[in-house]
Amino acid sequence: MKFGVCCGVDVEKIKYVKALGYDFAESHCQEIAKADYEKLEEIKATGMPVVAANCFISLRVVGEEKDEAAISEYLERLFSKAKYLGLRYLIFGSSGARRIPEGMTLEQGRDEIAYFLRELVLPLCEKYDLPVAIEPLRPEECNAINTIADGVEMAERIASPYIKVLADVAHMFVQNEPVESLLKYKGFIVHAHTSNPDPDPSTNKKRTYPKVGDSFSQASFVDVLSAVGVEHCSIEADVIDFKSDVEGAYEVFKELR
């Protein structure tokens, strides 16, 4: 298993996690799409692999507000630059983009998400040989695609090797989805996000960077990920102090490779 950290396009953060010994960085789709090639060259010059990027799209893909021309233009920029950086996965969380508006049924909303993935995203996945992983999100963040089963169901609707699923332990934890439940979805789960999903309430954070002594067992999550064939796991968590956070987390994950 290789472990990385979500760093956006912050070159100094990428350099720091590389120096600590992490295997890769995870970036931010919207920041990649708007970055110039000079910025992308700076990222490449760090020598740190950038394996994935989250925050897929901010434009609405469900409801009357969606603008297919604007979506298509954005996606072309994103995919071309992501390929230039050498990414292996793009992550479709994007709670605001896929939230089903009032007055639309859940099934209607899911149909529109499926249309977005099949008609607008998939052709670019194929063109650039770059898969997209659907990220199920807790209901507090989005009312569409909340559980791993929801994500797999959507991937099955598209029925393409380019549309897969991401497992984020924090979203699973909130919904009481045991990590062992991933075992029945082997072949669908291609990337993961981890964190301490049960932090001390005094931190006032929903999820924090893992550290030695946490009640949640990172080993239990990593073992299941390995069993279903996931090769990369990124830390995505609320930051308290970035340098201290990533240093403490590295002490956990260096033992789990």
Protein backbone atom coordinates (compact mmCIF):
# COMPACT_ATOMS: atom_id res chain seq x y z
CA MET A 1 0.00 0.00 0.00
CA LYS A 2 1.22 3.49 -0.85
CA PHE A 3 0.18 6.46 1.28
CA GLY A 4 -0.21 10.09 0.29
CA VAL A 5 -1.58 13.42 1.47
CA CYS A 6 -4.10 15.81 -0.06
CA CYS A 7 -2.02 18.91 -0.87
CA GLY A 8 -3.96 20.71 -3.60
CA VAL A 9 -1.44 22.46 -5.86
CA ASP A 10 0.65 23.78 -2.96
CA VAL A 11 4.21 23.02 -4.05
CA GLU A 12 5.68 23.60 -0.59
CA LYS A 13 3.27 21.12 0.97
CA ILE A 14 4.07 18.58 -1.73
CA LYS A 15 7.79 19.00 -1.08
CA TYR A 16 7.26 18.63 2.66
CA VAL A 17 5.30 15.38 2.49
CA LYS A 18 7.82 14.01 -0.01
CA ALA A 19 10.68 14.80 2.38
CA LEU A 20 8.85 13.04 5.21
CA GLY A 21 8.67 9.85 3.17
CA TYR A 22 5.12 9.75 1.83
CA ASP A 23 4.68 8.02 -1.52
CA PHE A 24 2.52 10.50 -3.42
CA ALA A 25 0.38 13.62 -3.26
CA GLU A 26 -3.29 14.07 -4.06
CA SER A 27 -4.27 17.31 -5.76
CA HIS A 28 -7.45 19.33 -6.44
CA CYS A 29 -9.25 19.08 -9.78
CA GLN A 30 -10.54 22.63 -9.93
CA GLU A 31 -7.14 24.07 -9.04
CA ILE A 32 -5.49 21.91 -11.69
CA ALA A 33 -7.99 23.04 -14.32
CA LYS A 34 -7.29 26.72 -13.71
CA ALA A 35 -3.52 26.39 -13.21
CA ASP A 36 -1.16 27.52 -15.94
CA TYR A 37 1.46 25.14 -17.29
CA GLU A 38 4.22 26.95 -15.39
CA LYS A 39 2.48 25.93 -12.15
CA LEU A 40 2.09 22.37 -13.38
CA GLU A 41 5.79 22.27 -14.22
CA GLU A 42 6.61 23.38 -10.66
CA ILE A 43 4.57 20.48 -9.33
CA LYS A 44 6.25 18.02 -11.67
CA ALA A 45 9.66 19.38 -10.72
CA THR A 46 9.13 18.26 -7.10
CA GLY A 47 9.55 14.68 -8.30
CA MET A 48 6.56 13.65 -6.19
CA PRO A 49 3.98 11.52 -8.01
CA VAL A 50 0.53 13.13 -8.06
CA VAL A 51 -1.73 10.11 -8.20
CA ALA A 52 -5.22 11.56 -7.81
CA ALA A 53 -7.20 14.77 -7.48
CA ASN A 54 -10.44 15.45 -5.62
CA CYS A 55 -13.08 18.21 -5.85
CA PHE A 56 -13.96 17.18 -9.39
CA ILE A 57 -16.33 19.98 -10.43
CA SER A 58 -18.18 22.96 -8.98
CA LEU A 59 -20.58 23.48 -11.91
CA ARG A 60 -24.03 22.05 -11.34
CA VAL A 61 -24.56 18.71 -13.09
CA VAL A 62 -28.12 18.17 -11.82
CA GLY A 63 -31.13 20.44 -12.22
CA GLU A 64 -32.07 23.44 -14.34
CA GLU A 65 -28.84 25.33 -13.58
CA LYS A 66 -26.62 22.90 -15.47
CA ASP A 67 -24.84 24.26 -18.54
CA GLU A 68 -23.50 21.42 -20.68
CA ALA A 69 -21.30 23.67 -22.80
CA ALA A 70 -19.59 25.12 -19.73
CA ILE A 71 -19.25 21.67 -18.18
CA SER A 72 -17.68 20.24 -21.33
CA GLU A 73 -15.21 23.12 -21.64
CA TYR A 74 -14.17 22.73 -18.00
CA LEU A 75 -13.81 18.96 -18.24
CA GLU A 76 -11.58 19.18 -21.31
CA ARG A 77 -9.24 21.56 -19.49
CA LEU A 78 -9.23 19.37 -16.39
CA PHE A 79 -8.55 16.09 -18.15
CA SER A 80 -5.83 17.46 -20.42
CA LYS A 81 -3.94 19.04 -17.51
CA ALA A 82 -4.48 16.07 -15.20
CA LYS A 83 -3.03 13.80 -17.87
CA TYR A 84 -0.08 16.17 -18.26
CA LEU A 85 0.61 15.81 -14.52
CA GLY A 86 0.42 12.03 -14.77
CA LEU A 87 -2.61 11.47 -12.55
CA ARG A 88 -4.13 8.01 -12.30
CA TYR A 89 -7.58 8.90 -10.91
CA LEU A 90 -9.95 11.84 -10.68
CA ILE A 91 -12.35 11.84 -7.72
CA PHE A 92 -16.01 12.79 -8.18
CA GLY A 93 -17.23 13.94 -4.77
CA SER A 94 -18.47 17.45 -5.56
CA SER A 95 -21.40 17.65 -3.15
CA GLY A 96 -22.76 20.94 -4.47
CA ALA A 97 -22.50 19.92 -8.10
CA ARG A 98 -24.52 16.74 -7.72
CA ARG A 99 -26.96 17.75 -4.98
CA ILE A 100 -30.52 16.96 -6.09
CA PRO A 101 -32.64 20.12 -5.94
CA GLU A 102 -35.97 20.43 -4.21
CA GLY A 103 -38.81 19.29 -6.43
CA MET A 104 -36.75 16.60 -8.17
CA THR A 105 -37.08 12.98 -7.11
CA LEU A 106 -34.08 10.93 -6.05
CA GLU A 107 -34.45 8.75 -9.14
CA GLN A 108 -34.61 11.77 -11.45
CA GLY A 109 -31.48 13.15 -9.82
CA ARG A 110 -29.64 9.86 -10.15
CA ASP A 111 -30.63 9.69 -13.81
CA GLU A 112 -29.07 13.11 -14.39
CA ILE A 113 -25.88 12.13 -12.56
CA ALA A 114 -25.71 8.99 -14.69
CA TYR A 115 -26.18 11.08 -17.83
CA PHE A 116 -23.37 13.40 -16.74
CA LEU A 117 -21.01 10.51 -16.15
CA ARG A 118 -21.93 8.55 -19.26
CA GLU A 119 -22.29 11.33 -21.83
CA LEU A 120 -19.93 14.08 -20.63
CA VAL A 121 -17.30 12.43 -18.44
CA LEU A 122 -16.80 8.97 -19.92
CA PRO A 123 -15.73 10.14 -23.41
CA LEU A 124 -12.91 12.13 -21.79
CA CYS A 125 -11.95 9.22 -19.56
CA GLU A 126 -11.53 7.16 -22.71
CA LYS A 127 -9.77 9.93 -24.64
CA TYR A 128 -7.19 10.52 -21.91
CA ASP A 129 -7.14 7.00 -20.45
CA LEU A 130 -7.97 8.47 -17.03
CA PRO A 131 -10.58 6.87 -14.74
CA VAL A 132 -12.99 8.69 -12.44
CA ALA A 133 -13.86 7.33 -9.00
CA ILE A 134 -17.25 8.23 -7.53
CA GLU A 135 -16.96 9.28 -3.88
CA PRO A 136 -19.99 8.52 -1.68
CA LEU A 137 -20.58 11.40 0.74
CA ARG A 138 -22.32 11.59 4.11
CA PRO A 139 -25.96 12.79 3.88
CA GLU A 140 -25.07 15.99 5.74
CA GLU A 141 -22.97 16.99 2.75
CA CYS A 142 -25.02 15.69 -0.18
CA ASN A 143 -28.37 13.99 -0.78
CA ALA A 144 -27.15 11.81 -3.65
CA ILE A 145 -24.78 8.80 -3.59
CA ASN A 146 -24.19 8.44 0.13
CA THR A 147 -23.11 4.84 0.69
CA ILE A 148 -20.56 2.59 -0.97
CA ALA A 149 -23.51 0.57 -2.31
CA ASP A 150 -24.90 3.76 -3.91
CA GLY A 151 -21.55 4.44 -5.55
CA VAL A 152 -21.26 0.90 -6.88
CA GLU A 153 -24.83 1.01 -8.18
CA MET A 154 -24.01 4.18 -10.13
CA ALA A 155 -20.80 2.67 -11.49
CA GLU A 156 -22.75 -0.40 -12.59
CA ARG A 157 -25.19 1.84 -14.46
CA ILE A 158 -22.35 3.32 -16.48
CA ALA A 159 -20.76 -0.12 -16.93
CA SER A 160 -17.31 1.09 -17.91
CA PRO A 161 -13.86 0.22 -16.52
CA TYR A 162 -13.27 3.98 -16.39
CA ILE A 163 -15.99 4.66 -13.80
CA LYS A 164 -15.16 3.24 -10.38
CA VAL A 165 -15.66 4.08 -6.68
CA LEU A 166 -13.63 5.64 -3.87
CA ALA A 167 -13.98 4.61 -0.22
CA ASP A 168 -13.63 7.41 2.34
CA VAL A 169 -13.49 6.03 5.86
CA ALA A 170 -14.93 9.20 7.42
CA HIS A 171 -18.11 9.09 5.33
CA MET A 172 -18.41 5.35 5.99
CA PHE A 173 -17.93 5.85 9.74
CA VAL A 174 -20.72 8.42 10.04
CA GLN A 175 -23.14 6.02 8.30
CA ASN A 176 -22.05 2.98 10.31
CA GLU A 177 -20.68 1.21 7.23
CA PRO A 178 -18.12 -1.30 8.50
CA VAL A 179 -14.85 -1.30 6.60
CA GLU A 180 -15.33 -5.04 6.02
CA SER A 181 -18.33 -4.24 3.81
CA LEU A 182 -15.88 -3.21 1.09
CA LEU A 183 -14.90 -6.84 0.60
CA LYS A 184 -18.02 -7.54 -1.47
CA TYR A 185 -17.15 -4.73 -3.89
CA LYS A 186 -13.78 -5.95 -5.08
CA GLY A 187 -13.16 -4.62 -8.57
CA PHE A 188 -15.09 -1.41 -7.95
CA ILE A 189 -13.00 0.28 -5.23
CA VAL A 190 -9.87 1.81 -6.81
CA HIS A 191 -8.79 4.55 -4.41
CA ALA A 192 -9.35 5.55 -0.78
CA HIS A 193 -9.32 8.47 1.63
CA THR A 194 -8.51 7.98 5.25
CA SER A 195 -8.48 10.05 8.44
CA ASN A 196 -9.29 9.67 12.09
CA PRO A 197 -13.09 9.64 11.70
CA ASP A 198 -13.71 9.75 15.46
CA PRO A 199 -11.60 12.62 16.82
CA ASP A 200 -11.69 14.12 20.29
CA PRO A 201 -14.67 16.54 20.33
CA SER A 202 -12.41 19.22 21.76
CA THR A 203 -10.73 19.53 18.36
CA ASN A 204 -14.03 20.78 16.91
CA LYS A 205 -13.19 18.84 13.75
CA LYS A 206 -15.19 16.18 11.90
CA ARG A 207 -12.08 14.20 10.93
CA THR A 208 -8.45 14.70 11.79
CA TYR A 209 -5.08 13.43 10.67
CA PRO A 210 -4.41 10.00 12.17
CA LYS A 211 -1.87 9.73 14.97
CA VAL A 212 -0.46 6.98 17.13
CA GLY A 213 -2.93 6.10 19.89
CA ASP A 214 -6.17 6.92 18.04
CA SER A 215 -9.14 4.72 18.89
CA PHE A 216 -9.81 4.02 15.20
CA SER A 217 -7.57 1.31 13.74
CA GLN A 218 -6.01 2.41 10.46
CA ALA A 219 -4.64 -1.12 10.08
CA SER A 220 -8.17 -2.53 9.88
CA PHE A 221 -9.02 -0.18 7.00
CA VAL A 222 -5.74 -0.73 5.19
CA ASP A 223 -6.05 -4.52 5.44
CA VAL A 224 -9.45 -4.42 3.74
CA LEU A 225 -8.24 -2.00 1.07
CA SER A 226 -5.35 -4.33 0.27
CA ALA A 227 -7.74 -7.28 0.07
CA VAL A 228 -9.87 -5.55 -2.58
CA GLY A 229 -6.85 -4.44 -4.60
CA VAL A 230 -6.53 -0.75 -3.70
CA GLU A 231 -2.94 0.43 -4.14
CA HIS A 232 -3.12 4.07 -3.01
CA CYS A 233 -4.70 5.68 0.06
CA SER A 234 -4.68 9.44 0.69
CA ILE A 235 -5.11 11.28 3.96
CA GLU A 236 -7.98 13.75 3.61
CA ALA A 237 -8.74 15.46 6.90
CA ASP A 238 -9.32 18.76 8.64
CA VAL A 239 -6.04 20.55 9.27
CA ILE A 240 -5.02 21.70 12.73
CA ASP A 241 -1.35 22.33 11.98
CA PHE A 242 -0.31 20.88 8.63
CA LYS A 243 3.31 20.03 9.42
CA SER A 244 2.53 18.48 12.79
CA ASP A 245 -0.49 16.69 11.34
CA VAL A 246 1.39 15.01 8.50
CA GLU A 247 4.37 14.18 10.72
CA GLY A 248 2.13 12.44 13.26
CA ALA A 249 0.24 10.57 10.56
CA TYR A 250 3.45 9.36 8.96
CA GLU A 251 4.33 7.56 12.20
CA VAL A 252 1.12 5.56 11.75
CA PHE A 253 1.39 4.74 8.07
CA LYS A 254 5.07 3.96 7.77
CA GLU A 255 4.29 0.76 9.65
CA LEU A 256 1.40 -0.21 7.37
CA ARG A 257 3.10 -0.28 3.97
